Amino acid sequence: MADAKQMQFGQRLRRIDRNHRKLAQGYVTSVNHDGLLIARPRPIDVRLTWRGVAYVIIVMMAFKVFLFAQIGAAAYQEKVTGLQNGTLAQQIGAYVMVADPVTVKIAAAFGAAAE
């Protein structure tokens, strides 16, 4: 019997800690019908903005250019081919990492500047 009560107490503590962590991220208060103030975690508002999408594309392009310039065209193509033969996630990565003309031109400009 003591074990059952100890387990219930532990579960209650974990639930309270989880609620406190959520409330620490922000909360909304409301008044119950009997006048009791209730604090609920603020809903997470995740928005996909054009600026965020642009940042992701710029970072991915910069990463591709950096890799292409560092390891060279032949080694880069070999790595992408290896990804194309892998799992679904690797195939998606290979599709994204294919050396397009923009990547090649920018990498060539950086390669010429580094020499």
N, C-alpha and C. Protein backbone atom coordinates (compact mmCIF):
# COMPACT_ATOMS: atom_id res chain seq x y z
N MET A 1 0.82 -1.19 0.00
CA MET A 1 0.00 0.00 0.00
C MET A 1 0.86 1.25 0.00
N ALA A 2 1.96 1.19 0.75
CA ALA A 2 2.86 2.33 0.79
C ALA A 2 3.48 2.57 -0.58
N ASP A 3 3.78 1.47 -1.31
CA ASP A 3 4.35 1.62 -2.65
C ASP A 3 3.37 2.30 -3.61
N ALA A 4 2.12 1.95 -3.53
CA ALA A 4 1.11 2.54 -4.42
C ALA A 4 1.00 4.03 -4.15
N LYS A 5 0.99 4.42 -2.89
CA LYS A 5 0.90 5.84 -2.55
C LYS A 5 2.17 6.58 -2.96
N GLN A 6 3.31 5.93 -2.84
CA GLN A 6 4.58 6.53 -3.24
C GLN A 6 4.60 6.75 -4.76
N MET A 7 4.08 5.77 -5.51
CA MET A 7 4.04 5.91 -6.96
C MET A 7 3.10 7.04 -7.37
N GLN A 8 1.94 7.15 -6.72
CA GLN A 8 1.01 8.23 -7.03
C GLN A 8 1.63 9.58 -6.72
N PHE A 9 2.36 9.64 -5.60
CA PHE A 9 3.03 10.89 -5.23
C PHE A 9 4.09 11.26 -6.26
N GLY A 10 4.87 10.28 -6.70
CA GLY A 10 5.88 10.54 -7.72
C GLY A 10 5.27 11.00 -9.03
N GLN A 11 4.17 10.37 -9.43
CA GLN A 11 3.48 10.79 -10.65
C GLN A 11 2.96 12.22 -10.53
N ARG A 12 2.42 12.54 -9.36
CA ARG A 12 1.90 13.89 -9.15
C ARG A 12 3.04 14.91 -9.21
N LEU A 13 4.19 14.60 -8.62
CA LEU A 13 5.34 15.51 -8.66
C LEU A 13 5.81 15.72 -10.10
N ARG A 14 5.88 14.64 -10.88
CA ARG A 14 6.30 14.78 -12.28
C ARG A 14 5.31 15.64 -13.06
N ARG A 15 4.01 15.46 -12.82
CA ARG A 15 2.99 16.26 -13.50
C ARG A 15 3.12 17.73 -13.12
N ILE A 16 3.36 18.01 -11.84
CA ILE A 16 3.51 19.40 -11.39
C ILE A 16 4.76 20.02 -12.00
N ASP A 17 5.88 19.28 -12.01
CA ASP A 17 7.11 19.80 -12.61
C ASP A 17 6.93 20.09 -14.10
N ARG A 18 6.25 19.19 -14.80
CA ARG A 18 6.00 19.38 -16.23
C ARG A 18 5.15 20.64 -16.45
N ASN A 19 4.14 20.84 -15.61
CA ASN A 19 3.29 22.01 -15.72
C ASN A 19 4.07 23.29 -15.42
N HIS A 20 4.95 23.25 -14.44
CA HIS A 20 5.76 24.42 -14.11
C HIS A 20 6.69 24.78 -15.26
N ARG A 21 7.30 23.78 -15.90
CA ARG A 21 8.17 24.05 -17.04
C ARG A 21 7.40 24.70 -18.17
N LYS A 22 6.18 24.22 -18.42
CA LYS A 22 5.35 24.81 -19.48
C LYS A 22 4.95 26.23 -19.13
N LEU A 23 4.60 26.47 -17.85
CA LEU A 23 4.19 27.81 -17.44
C LEU A 23 5.37 28.79 -17.47
N ALA A 24 6.60 28.29 -17.29
CA ALA A 24 7.77 29.16 -17.33
C ALA A 24 7.98 29.75 -18.72
N GLN A 25 7.45 29.11 -19.76
CA GLN A 25 7.58 29.60 -21.13
C GLN A 25 6.54 30.68 -21.46
N GLY A 26 5.65 30.95 -20.54
CA GLY A 26 4.61 31.94 -20.73
C GLY A 26 3.26 31.33 -20.41
N TYR A 27 2.36 32.15 -19.91
CA TYR A 27 1.07 31.63 -19.53
C TYR A 27 -0.03 32.66 -19.77
N VAL A 28 -1.25 32.17 -19.78
CA VAL A 28 -2.44 32.98 -19.93
C VAL A 28 -3.32 32.69 -18.73
N THR A 29 -3.82 33.74 -18.09
CA THR A 29 -4.68 33.53 -16.93
C THR A 29 -6.14 33.77 -17.32
N SER A 30 -7.00 33.03 -16.67
CA SER A 30 -8.44 33.23 -16.85
C SER A 30 -9.12 33.07 -15.50
N VAL A 31 -10.31 33.63 -15.40
CA VAL A 31 -11.06 33.55 -14.16
C VAL A 31 -12.15 32.50 -14.33
N ASN A 32 -12.17 31.55 -13.42
CA ASN A 32 -13.17 30.49 -13.42
C ASN A 32 -14.53 31.06 -13.00
N HIS A 33 -15.58 30.30 -13.15
CA HIS A 33 -16.92 30.77 -12.81
C HIS A 33 -17.08 31.11 -11.33
N ASP A 34 -16.23 30.51 -10.48
CA ASP A 34 -16.33 30.80 -9.05
C ASP A 34 -15.28 31.82 -8.58
N GLY A 35 -14.59 32.47 -9.52
CA GLY A 35 -13.63 33.52 -9.18
C GLY A 35 -12.21 33.03 -9.03
N LEU A 36 -11.93 31.76 -9.26
CA LEU A 36 -10.59 31.20 -9.12
C LEU A 36 -9.77 31.54 -10.37
N LEU A 37 -8.56 32.07 -10.15
CA LEU A 37 -7.65 32.37 -11.26
C LEU A 37 -6.96 31.08 -11.69
N ILE A 38 -6.98 30.81 -12.98
CA ILE A 38 -6.35 29.62 -13.52
C ILE A 38 -5.30 30.05 -14.54
N ALA A 39 -4.08 29.55 -14.37
CA ALA A 39 -2.99 29.84 -15.30
C ALA A 39 -2.81 28.64 -16.21
N ARG A 40 -2.85 28.88 -17.50
CA ARG A 40 -2.63 27.82 -18.49
C ARG A 40 -1.43 28.21 -19.36
N PRO A 41 -0.65 27.21 -19.79
CA PRO A 41 0.49 27.53 -20.66
C PRO A 41 0.03 28.24 -21.93
N ARG A 42 0.82 29.23 -22.33
CA ARG A 42 0.52 29.96 -23.56
C ARG A 42 0.71 29.01 -24.75
N PRO A 43 -0.25 29.01 -25.66
CA PRO A 43 -0.11 28.14 -26.84
C PRO A 43 1.13 28.57 -27.65
N ILE A 44 1.82 27.59 -28.15
CA ILE A 44 3.00 27.85 -28.96
C ILE A 44 2.56 28.31 -30.34
N ASP A 45 3.06 29.45 -30.76
CA ASP A 45 2.69 30.02 -32.05
C ASP A 45 3.87 29.87 -33.00
N VAL A 46 3.80 28.86 -33.85
CA VAL A 46 4.86 28.62 -34.81
C VAL A 46 4.37 29.11 -36.18
N ARG A 47 5.07 30.08 -36.68
CA ARG A 47 4.69 30.63 -37.97
C ARG A 47 5.82 30.42 -38.97
N LEU A 48 5.44 30.10 -40.16
CA LEU A 48 6.39 29.96 -41.24
C LEU A 48 6.40 31.27 -42.01
N THR A 49 7.48 32.02 -41.86
CA THR A 49 7.56 33.32 -42.52
C THR A 49 8.45 33.23 -43.75
N TRP A 50 8.26 34.17 -44.64
CA TRP A 50 9.10 34.21 -45.84
C TRP A 50 10.55 34.48 -45.47
N ARG A 51 10.77 35.28 -44.46
CA ARG A 51 12.13 35.58 -44.03
C ARG A 51 12.82 34.31 -43.53
N GLY A 52 12.11 33.50 -42.76
CA GLY A 52 12.67 32.25 -42.25
C GLY A 52 13.00 31.28 -43.37
N VAL A 53 12.09 31.18 -44.34
CA VAL A 53 12.33 30.31 -45.50
C VAL A 53 13.54 30.80 -46.28
N ALA A 54 13.64 32.11 -46.44
CA ALA A 54 14.79 32.68 -47.17
C ALA A 54 16.10 32.38 -46.44
N TYR A 55 16.10 32.51 -45.11
CA TYR A 55 17.31 32.21 -44.35
C TYR A 55 17.73 30.75 -44.51
N VAL A 56 16.77 29.85 -44.47
CA VAL A 56 17.09 28.43 -44.62
C VAL A 56 17.68 28.16 -46.01
N ILE A 57 17.10 28.75 -47.04
CA ILE A 57 17.62 28.54 -48.40
C ILE A 57 19.01 29.13 -48.54
N ILE A 58 19.24 30.31 -47.98
CA ILE A 58 20.57 30.94 -48.07
C ILE A 58 21.60 30.11 -47.34
N VAL A 59 21.27 29.61 -46.17
CA VAL A 59 22.22 28.80 -45.40
C VAL A 59 22.53 27.50 -46.14
N MET A 60 21.50 26.88 -46.71
CA MET A 60 21.74 25.63 -47.46
C MET A 60 22.61 25.89 -48.69
N MET A 61 22.35 26.98 -49.40
CA MET A 61 23.17 27.30 -50.57
C MET A 61 24.62 27.58 -50.16
N ALA A 62 24.79 28.32 -49.06
CA ALA A 62 26.14 28.61 -48.59
C ALA A 62 26.87 27.32 -48.20
N PHE A 63 26.16 26.40 -47.57
CA PHE A 63 26.75 25.13 -47.20
C PHE A 63 27.17 24.33 -48.43
N LYS A 64 26.30 24.30 -49.44
CA LYS A 64 26.63 23.59 -50.68
C LYS A 64 27.84 24.21 -51.35
N VAL A 65 27.87 25.54 -51.43
CA VAL A 65 29.00 26.23 -52.06
C VAL A 65 30.29 25.94 -51.29
N PHE A 66 30.22 26.00 -49.96
CA PHE A 66 31.40 25.73 -49.15
C PHE A 66 31.93 24.32 -49.39
N LEU A 67 31.05 23.33 -49.35
CA LEU A 67 31.49 21.96 -49.59
C LEU A 67 32.05 21.78 -51.00
N PHE A 68 31.36 22.33 -51.98
CA PHE A 68 31.80 22.19 -53.36
C PHE A 68 33.18 22.82 -53.56
N ALA A 69 33.38 23.99 -52.96
CA ALA A 69 34.67 24.67 -53.10
C ALA A 69 35.78 23.95 -52.34
N GLN A 70 35.45 23.35 -51.20
CA GLN A 70 36.46 22.70 -50.38
C GLN A 70 36.93 21.36 -50.93
N ILE A 71 35.98 20.50 -51.36
CA ILE A 71 36.40 19.15 -51.74
C ILE A 71 36.51 18.95 -53.24
N GLY A 72 36.03 19.90 -54.03
CA GLY A 72 36.16 19.79 -55.49
C GLY A 72 34.96 19.10 -56.12
N ALA A 73 34.84 19.28 -57.43
CA ALA A 73 33.68 18.80 -58.16
C ALA A 73 33.58 17.27 -58.17
N ALA A 74 34.68 16.60 -58.41
CA ALA A 74 34.65 15.14 -58.53
C ALA A 74 34.29 14.48 -57.19
N ALA A 75 34.94 14.91 -56.13
CA ALA A 75 34.67 14.33 -54.81
C ALA A 75 33.25 14.67 -54.36
N TYR A 76 32.79 15.88 -54.68
CA TYR A 76 31.42 16.29 -54.31
C TYR A 76 30.41 15.41 -55.01
N GLN A 77 30.60 15.19 -56.31
CA GLN A 77 29.68 14.35 -57.06
C GLN A 77 29.71 12.91 -56.55
N GLU A 78 30.86 12.45 -56.14
CA GLU A 78 30.98 11.10 -55.58
C GLU A 78 30.19 10.97 -54.28
N LYS A 79 30.26 11.99 -53.43
CA LYS A 79 29.51 11.98 -52.17
C LYS A 79 28.00 12.01 -52.43
N VAL A 80 27.57 12.84 -53.39
CA VAL A 80 26.15 12.93 -53.71
C VAL A 80 25.66 11.61 -54.29
N THR A 81 26.46 10.97 -55.12
CA THR A 81 26.09 9.67 -55.67
C THR A 81 25.95 8.63 -54.56
N GLY A 82 26.83 8.68 -53.59
CA GLY A 82 26.73 7.78 -52.44
C GLY A 82 25.45 8.00 -51.67
N LEU A 83 25.02 9.26 -51.54
CA LEU A 83 23.76 9.56 -50.86
C LEU A 83 22.56 9.07 -51.66
N GLN A 84 22.66 9.13 -52.98
CA GLN A 84 21.54 8.71 -53.83
C GLN A 84 21.27 7.21 -53.70
N ASN A 85 22.26 6.45 -53.31
CA ASN A 85 22.10 5.01 -53.16
C ASN A 85 21.71 4.60 -51.74
N GLY A 86 21.46 5.57 -50.86
CA GLY A 86 21.18 5.27 -49.47
C GLY A 86 19.70 5.20 -49.15
N THR A 87 19.39 5.49 -47.91
CA THR A 87 18.02 5.45 -47.42
C THR A 87 17.22 6.60 -48.01
N LEU A 88 15.93 6.64 -47.70
CA LEU A 88 15.06 7.69 -48.22
C LEU A 88 15.53 9.07 -47.76
N ALA A 89 15.92 9.20 -46.51
CA ALA A 89 16.41 10.49 -46.00
C ALA A 89 17.69 10.90 -46.74
N GLN A 90 18.57 9.95 -47.00
CA GLN A 90 19.79 10.26 -47.72
C GLN A 90 19.49 10.63 -49.17
N GLN A 91 18.50 9.99 -49.77
CA GLN A 91 18.12 10.34 -51.15
C GLN A 91 17.54 11.75 -51.22
N ILE A 92 16.77 12.13 -50.22
CA ILE A 92 16.26 13.50 -50.18
C ILE A 92 17.41 14.48 -50.02
N GLY A 93 18.37 14.15 -49.16
CA GLY A 93 19.56 14.99 -48.99
C GLY A 93 20.35 15.09 -50.27
N ALA A 94 20.45 14.00 -51.02
CA ALA A 94 21.17 14.03 -52.30
C ALA A 94 20.46 14.93 -53.29
N TYR A 95 19.13 14.88 -53.30
CA TYR A 95 18.36 15.74 -54.20
C TYR A 95 18.61 17.22 -53.89
N VAL A 96 18.69 17.54 -52.61
CA VAL A 96 18.93 18.92 -52.21
C VAL A 96 20.38 19.33 -52.50
N MET A 97 21.31 18.40 -52.34
CA MET A 97 22.73 18.73 -52.45
C MET A 97 23.30 18.62 -53.86
N VAL A 98 22.48 18.29 -54.85
CA VAL A 98 22.98 18.21 -56.23
C VAL A 98 23.59 19.55 -56.62
N ALA A 99 24.74 19.48 -57.29
CA ALA A 99 25.45 20.70 -57.69
C ALA A 99 24.73 21.36 -58.86
N ASP A 100 24.02 22.44 -58.57
CA ASP A 100 23.33 23.18 -59.62
C ASP A 100 24.28 24.23 -60.20
N PRO A 101 23.91 24.85 -61.32
CA PRO A 101 24.80 25.84 -61.94
C PRO A 101 25.14 27.02 -61.04
N VAL A 102 24.21 27.45 -60.21
CA VAL A 102 24.48 28.57 -59.31
C VAL A 102 25.56 28.19 -58.30
N THR A 103 25.47 26.99 -57.75
CA THR A 103 26.46 26.52 -56.79
C THR A 103 27.84 26.44 -57.43
N VAL A 104 27.89 25.91 -58.64
CA VAL A 104 29.17 25.75 -59.33
C VAL A 104 29.80 27.12 -59.61
N LYS A 105 29.01 28.09 -60.07
CA LYS A 105 29.56 29.41 -60.39
C LYS A 105 30.04 30.15 -59.15
N ILE A 106 29.26 30.08 -58.08
CA ILE A 106 29.68 30.77 -56.85
C ILE A 106 30.92 30.10 -56.26
N ALA A 107 30.96 28.76 -56.30
CA ALA A 107 32.13 28.05 -55.78
C ALA A 107 33.37 28.36 -56.61
N ALA A 108 33.18 28.50 -57.93
CA ALA A 108 34.32 28.85 -58.79
C ALA A 108 34.82 30.26 -58.45
N ALA A 109 33.91 31.18 -58.15
CA ALA A 109 34.32 32.53 -57.78
C ALA A 109 35.07 32.52 -56.45
N PHE A 110 34.62 31.72 -55.50
CA PHE A 110 35.33 31.62 -54.22
C PHE A 110 36.65 30.90 -54.39
N GLY A 111 36.68 29.91 -55.25
CA GLY A 111 37.93 29.18 -55.49
C GLY A 111 38.97 30.08 -56.14
N ALA A 112 38.55 30.94 -57.06
CA ALA A 112 39.46 31.88 -57.72
C ALA A 112 39.95 32.93 -56.73
N ALA A 113 39.07 33.35 -55.79
CA ALA A 113 39.45 34.37 -54.81
C ALA A 113 40.43 33.80 -53.80
N ALA A 114 40.32 32.49 -53.51
CA ALA A 114 41.19 31.87 -52.51
C ALA A 114 42.60 31.65 -53.04
N GLU A 115 42.74 31.56 -54.36
CA GLU A 115 44.06 31.28 -54.94
C GLU A 115 44.92 32.49 -55.03
